[in-house]
């Protein structure tokens, strides 16, 4: 295989379009059955993006979690960061860039959501951000996981000096609609869970008879499983109906559908140049003790586990992911998007569209960097918005190769899954750990998945809160990442070793009622 390696190393950004079919022929001749992507000069690709903006321009990231900026920072130099959390890794961020954190100085952690950022922009922090982003004449580019009304308004006022690298709020909002998505999926001939769209005021025993005995109520707008509700009795239906009517009104439409068991799959797609491209799907975990408050609460993802889904189901999943990409591209959507499925009895059922940078994007990007030197999905996401003219034209064939490397890695969010506030009794420093005799042992510093060297090592990341911090129900203690697989199967979802790992890290926090 040494001849192929030499050929791969010779291919850099300045090279003409490379014939991948020729590589495949060479690989087959040499007796290899798996295509390896060529090596590429990452710096040259990144320079193509940076050269597309005016001299003196700066970049910043906006997201719920500071750690999500890592994927952007490996592509363009970040000058500032806007995020909700501020934990033990906060000083590390502060040393490198201007860090606006909603949580800073509060000594408490809540369930950070998009609305947390919206509210923060209306207060003192928003005034600081507005002042910072308004200084100077050189353009500032904000890379958000999704647009906000605040940034959109600020960009309008800035006369071109502030530019948002994301889809407008109105496009994002349009494709968040689960009911609209379900109808389009049915029209396109793709399977959806058996069910119907009804007004909340019309919910009753008829739906349980038709779609039960266990069924799902899905609100029209929602994320992370928080607006998806499991109904397993007439009493549960009556209680949830009254709760949602108070929240949304009796005329609000919801999806009522049959509960389907099986692995949940979250795909990643990319709209680039007006065309959808396939990226990397993963198996999603929900309802995990120590990570989830309820049955559909998102707990984590495993990329290697997707390869355990049958080839037939994978083909359908990928076909629909690209089809929905065509729909949203026609409406002007650009960049990364995701589609969620449930695979029941070897048949994938489409659930919803996620029109934004995904909760798995940070993990996926770091795994892409680990498994290939070609530009990542996040790279092409940024390229779509920065539009570096013809600099990448000769390399657009790489988009067809995005999903080719087999990724292996996982993430798990550890949360306060109790119904009351908890106080952190022991700081869990960010870094690399192993489990020794049922206890997490810190072995070295580390802030990225690339710092993980062995299959049994665990990266603790995502702003672990300091000792004394009060964490509200469902608030995150930290995120665990690794390069192995922890998938066990349909019912168990994760392995017993992974469950023990969650318990071990939770015990190490020495929690007490607040």
Foldseek 3Di string as FASTA:
>chain_A
DVVLLVVLAVDELVDFQDDQVVQCVVCVVVPHDARAHGFYDLVVLLVLLVVLFDPPEAEEEEEAFPLLCVLVCSRGPHAEYEYAFAFPCNVVVVVRHHYQYNCPPVLAFEPDDPVSVVVCLVDPSVVVVLVVLQPDDAAYEYEYLADDPSLVVSCVVNVRRYHYLFDDPVLQVVQQFQVVVVVVCVVVPAAAFDWDKDFLLPDAPVLCVVAHCKKWKAARGDPQQPRIDIHNDRVSSVVVSVVVCVVPNRRGIIIIGHDFFAWKKKFKWFQAPLFIFGAAMWTWDEDFPQQYQDRRHTWKTWRLCVVVQDPVQVVSLRVVVRVVSNVSSVVPHGAMKMWMWGQHPSGTHTGGIRRGNDPCNQVRSLQCVVQGNDDASVSSSSCRRSVSDCSCVSPPVCRNVNHRGRAGKMKGWGFQNDQAKKFFAAFDDWAKWAQDPLATDHDDHDAGQVRDDDQRIKTWYRRQHHGGRIYHHSGTRTMIMGRHGQQDTRPVGGHPVVSSVSVNVVVNRVMDGD
